[in-house]
Amino acid sequence: MDMIKKTRNVVYVWEFPVRLYHWINALSITVLIATGLLIGHPIGIHLAPEASMTYWFGWVRFLHFAFAFLFFFNFIFRMYWGLVGNEYSRWFNYIPIRKKQWAQIWAVIKSDVLLLKYDEESKPIGHNALASFTYFLTFLAFLLQCLTGFGMYAAMSQSWLPKMFAWFPHLLGGDMMTRQIHHITMWFFILFAMVHIYLVFYHDYIERKGTVSSMIGGWKFVDKDDK
């Protein structure tokens, strides 16, 4: 019987702009969730003898709005990079319009959800089809969060950017519904982050391709059978 010796090749998958987007996005979402929870449910903190001498809640609001702008422009940049980036970051990977993509989605569901045998075909170098489609849905959630967030902010801001979204609360029937959708979408991000972190480490362990380290250095490992 021939012995099979496995060697490891490295492939540059995640370009620096994609990695930069990823970590800016992670930081922005973390700050937006933390500050958003405080804005929705303020707590009493006494940092000075007189209320007029402290401005902690003002800083909370400032951070929320500042990172909202960062989140928005980072999102716009990712839309652009989906058109000009390498094959792993292009938009055609994220929308399942090919039969092969749906077959891969089912293979990943069998592995990750039903815990059946892991199919080698469901282990592409970049994102698998299910992960890619999930990220596409998160992009839609990003868009919804920008529309609702800037739509509410437009009423108190003099900046041109929020004013562009002033029409959206009227479309939803008012600020109350807009705020509800904004809040619910925040919980979608929280749940997504929990599942995302779990699956990243899960696939890093079973695939041995450097899934975690690839979002720092950009390189992933590919097995090459050498008989």
Protein backbone atom coordinates (compact mmCIF):
# COMPACT_ATOMS: atom_id res chain seq x y z
CA MET A 1 0.00 0.00 0.00
CA ASP A 2 1.35 3.38 -0.97
CA MET A 3 2.04 5.72 1.85
CA ILE A 4 0.55 9.18 1.48
CA LYS A 5 2.58 12.05 2.80
CA LYS A 6 0.69 15.27 3.30
CA THR A 7 2.46 18.55 2.78
CA ARG A 8 1.15 22.02 3.48
CA ASN A 9 0.87 24.78 0.91
CA VAL A 10 0.02 28.34 1.86
CA VAL A 11 -2.47 30.48 -0.04
CA TYR A 12 -2.91 34.21 0.40
CA VAL A 13 -6.68 34.43 0.87
CA TRP A 14 -7.65 37.52 2.84
CA GLU A 15 -6.08 40.70 1.49
CA PHE A 16 -5.10 43.47 3.89
CA PRO A 17 -8.16 45.67 3.06
CA VAL A 18 -10.47 42.74 3.90
CA ARG A 19 -8.68 42.08 7.18
CA LEU A 20 -8.70 45.78 8.06
CA TYR A 21 -12.42 45.95 7.31
CA HIS A 22 -13.06 42.89 9.48
CA TRP A 23 -11.35 44.26 12.60
CA ILE A 24 -12.71 47.79 12.21
CA ASN A 25 -16.16 46.25 11.82
CA ALA A 26 -15.69 44.07 14.92
CA LEU A 27 -14.56 47.08 16.98
CA SER A 28 -17.37 49.28 15.67
CA ILE A 29 -20.09 46.73 16.37
CA THR A 30 -18.74 46.11 19.89
CA VAL A 31 -18.72 49.83 20.75
CA LEU A 32 -22.11 50.42 19.09
CA ILE A 33 -23.73 47.57 21.01
CA ALA A 34 -22.25 48.66 24.36
CA THR A 35 -23.17 52.31 23.90
CA GLY A 36 -26.53 51.45 22.35
CA LEU A 37 -27.51 49.40 25.39
CA LEU A 38 -26.56 52.31 27.65
CA ILE A 39 -28.52 54.79 25.54
CA GLY A 40 -31.57 52.53 25.59
CA HIS A 41 -31.29 51.85 29.34
CA PRO A 42 -29.28 54.64 31.01
CA ILE A 43 -27.80 53.98 34.43
CA GLY A 44 -27.15 56.49 37.20
CA ILE A 45 -23.44 57.20 37.64
CA HIS A 46 -22.27 59.99 39.93
CA LEU A 47 -18.78 61.10 38.97
CA ALA A 48 -18.95 64.59 40.50
CA PRO A 49 -20.77 66.38 43.34
CA GLU A 50 -22.91 68.31 40.85
CA ALA A 51 -24.67 66.86 37.81
CA SER A 52 -23.53 69.83 35.73
CA MET A 53 -19.90 68.83 36.35
CA THR A 54 -20.11 65.45 34.65
CA TYR A 55 -20.78 64.54 31.03
CA TRP A 56 -20.38 60.76 30.90
CA PHE A 57 -23.66 60.12 29.09
CA GLY A 58 -22.77 62.76 26.52
CA TRP A 59 -19.57 60.83 25.82
CA VAL A 60 -21.59 57.64 25.45
CA ARG A 61 -23.76 59.30 22.81
CA PHE A 62 -20.71 60.82 21.11
CA LEU A 63 -19.01 57.41 20.88
CA HIS A 64 -22.18 55.84 19.49
CA PHE A 65 -22.53 58.46 16.77
CA ALA A 66 -18.79 58.54 15.96
CA PHE A 67 -18.57 54.77 15.55
CA ALA A 68 -21.81 54.81 13.56
CA PHE A 69 -20.03 56.99 10.97
CA LEU A 70 -16.99 54.68 11.05
CA PHE A 71 -19.23 51.62 10.67
CA PHE A 72 -21.05 53.18 7.71
CA PHE A 73 -17.97 54.20 5.72
CA ASN A 74 -16.25 50.91 6.51
CA PHE A 75 -19.34 49.15 5.16
CA ILE A 76 -19.27 51.26 1.99
CA PHE A 77 -15.61 50.37 1.52
CA ARG A 78 -16.42 46.65 1.79
CA MET A 79 -19.09 47.06 -0.89
CA TYR A 80 -16.43 48.54 -3.16
CA TRP A 81 -13.85 45.86 -2.35
CA GLY A 82 -16.37 43.18 -3.27
CA LEU A 83 -16.01 44.47 -6.83
CA VAL A 84 -12.24 44.92 -7.06
CA GLY A 85 -10.79 42.46 -4.53
CA ASN A 86 -9.39 38.99 -5.15
CA GLU A 87 -11.49 35.92 -5.95
CA TYR A 88 -12.20 35.17 -2.29
CA SER A 89 -13.73 38.56 -1.52
CA ARG A 90 -15.82 39.05 -4.68
CA TRP A 91 -19.60 39.32 -4.49
CA PHE A 92 -20.28 36.26 -6.65
CA ASN A 93 -19.13 34.12 -3.71
CA TYR A 94 -21.75 35.55 -1.35
CA ILE A 95 -24.97 35.09 -3.32
CA PRO A 96 -25.87 31.40 -3.93
CA ILE A 97 -26.94 31.40 -7.56
CA ARG A 98 -25.08 28.25 -8.63
CA LYS A 99 -26.08 24.64 -8.00
CA LYS A 100 -22.64 23.88 -6.56
CA GLN A 101 -23.13 26.55 -3.89
CA TRP A 102 -26.43 25.04 -2.72
CA ALA A 103 -24.84 21.58 -2.59
CA GLN A 104 -22.07 23.01 -0.45
CA ILE A 105 -24.58 24.75 1.84
CA TRP A 106 -26.29 21.40 2.48
CA ALA A 107 -22.92 19.72 3.09
CA VAL A 108 -22.00 22.32 5.71
CA ILE A 109 -25.42 22.06 7.39
CA LYS A 110 -24.94 18.30 7.68
CA SER A 111 -21.56 18.86 9.27
CA ASP A 112 -22.11 21.92 11.48
CA VAL A 113 -25.76 21.48 12.48
CA LEU A 114 -26.53 17.77 12.14
CA LEU A 115 -22.98 16.74 13.14
CA LEU A 116 -22.74 14.15 10.39
CA LYS A 117 -19.58 13.22 8.51
CA TYR A 118 -17.65 16.22 7.31
CA ASP A 119 -17.62 16.36 3.52
CA GLU A 120 -14.32 17.40 1.93
CA GLU A 121 -16.26 19.27 -0.76
CA SER A 122 -17.57 21.64 1.92
CA LYS A 123 -14.06 22.83 2.77
CA PRO A 124 -13.14 25.51 0.21
CA ILE A 125 -10.11 27.71 0.70
CA GLY A 126 -12.16 30.84 1.36
CA HIS A 127 -15.58 30.98 2.99
CA ASN A 128 -17.84 28.00 2.43
CA ALA A 129 -21.14 28.71 0.66
CA LEU A 130 -23.22 28.74 3.85
CA ALA A 131 -20.87 31.17 5.58
CA SER A 132 -20.79 33.38 2.49
CA PHE A 133 -24.59 33.50 2.26
CA THR A 134 -24.81 34.24 5.98
CA TYR A 135 -22.40 37.14 5.55
CA PHE A 136 -24.53 38.43 2.68
CA LEU A 137 -27.53 38.45 5.05
CA THR A 138 -25.46 40.35 7.61
CA PHE A 139 -24.65 42.93 4.93
CA LEU A 140 -28.41 43.44 4.53
CA ALA A 141 -28.67 43.79 8.31
CA PHE A 142 -25.83 46.34 8.20
CA LEU A 143 -27.80 48.33 5.64
CA LEU A 144 -30.98 48.17 7.75
CA GLN A 145 -29.08 49.30 10.84
CA CYS A 146 -27.62 52.26 8.96
CA LEU A 147 -31.02 53.25 7.60
CA THR A 148 -32.74 53.08 11.00
CA GLY A 149 -29.85 54.57 12.99
CA PHE A 150 -29.15 57.55 10.75
CA GLY A 151 -32.88 57.94 10.16
CA MET A 152 -33.39 58.58 13.88
CA TYR A 153 -30.26 60.70 14.18
CA ALA A 154 -31.39 62.96 11.32
CA ALA A 155 -33.88 64.75 13.57
CA MET A 156 -31.09 66.08 15.85
CA SER A 157 -28.09 66.28 13.53
CA GLN A 158 -26.92 69.05 11.25
CA SER A 159 -24.64 66.70 9.28
CA TRP A 160 -25.45 65.98 5.65
CA LEU A 161 -25.11 62.21 6.04
CA PRO A 162 -27.92 61.57 8.57
CA LYS A 163 -30.13 64.02 6.67
CA MET A 164 -29.91 61.67 3.68
CA PHE A 165 -31.83 59.06 5.71
CA ALA A 166 -34.50 61.34 7.19
CA TRP A 167 -37.14 59.74 4.95
CA PHE A 168 -36.73 56.24 6.36
CA PRO A 169 -38.59 56.62 9.71
CA HIS A 170 -41.58 58.01 7.80
CA LEU A 171 -41.51 54.91 5.61
CA LEU A 172 -41.71 52.71 8.72
CA GLY A 173 -44.48 54.73 10.32
CA GLY A 174 -42.48 56.84 12.77
CA ASP A 175 -39.60 56.87 15.22
CA MET A 176 -41.10 54.25 17.53
CA MET A 177 -41.11 51.48 14.91
CA THR A 178 -37.71 52.63 13.66
CA ARG A 179 -36.28 52.38 17.16
CA GLN A 180 -37.80 48.91 17.65
CA ILE A 181 -36.26 47.61 14.42
CA HIS A 182 -32.91 49.20 15.30
CA HIS A 183 -32.99 47.49 18.70
CA ILE A 184 -34.00 44.07 17.33
CA THR A 185 -31.28 44.22 14.68
CA MET A 186 -28.75 44.89 17.44
CA TRP A 187 -29.69 41.56 19.03
CA PHE A 188 -29.23 39.89 15.65
CA PHE A 189 -25.63 41.13 15.69
CA ILE A 190 -25.10 39.85 19.22
CA LEU A 191 -26.37 36.37 18.33
CA PHE A 192 -24.45 36.38 15.06
CA ALA A 193 -21.20 37.28 16.86
CA MET A 194 -21.65 34.38 19.30
CA VAL A 195 -22.27 31.84 16.53
CA HIS A 196 -19.56 33.35 14.32
CA ILE A 197 -16.85 33.08 17.00
CA TYR A 198 -17.85 29.50 17.84
CA LEU A 199 -17.80 28.36 14.20
CA VAL A 200 -14.49 30.10 13.47
CA PHE A 201 -12.75 28.11 16.20
CA TYR A 202 -14.70 24.96 15.29
CA HIS A 203 -13.61 25.07 11.66
CA ASP A 204 -10.10 26.07 12.65
CA TYR A 205 -9.90 22.87 14.72
CA ILE A 206 -11.41 20.39 12.24
CA GLU A 207 -10.00 21.84 9.02
CA ARG A 208 -6.52 22.80 10.24
CA LYS A 209 -6.30 25.54 7.62
CA GLY A 210 -5.43 28.44 9.89
CA THR A 211 -8.89 29.99 9.87
CA VAL A 212 -8.19 32.13 12.95
CA SER A 213 -4.67 33.22 12.04
CA SER A 214 -5.73 33.99 8.45
CA MET A 215 -7.64 37.05 9.67
CA ILE A 216 -4.37 38.41 11.03
CA GLY A 217 -1.84 37.44 8.37
CA GLY A 218 -4.13 36.62 5.44
CA TRP A 219 -2.65 33.17 4.75
CA LYS A 220 -4.46 29.82 4.92
CA PHE A 221 -3.04 26.30 4.65
CA VAL A 222 -4.02 23.77 2.00
CA ASP A 223 -3.21 20.06 2.11
CA LYS A 224 -1.36 18.61 -0.86
CA ASP A 225 -1.20 14.82 -1.12
CA ASP A 226 2.24 13.68 -2.20
CA LYS A 227 2.40 9.94 -2.87
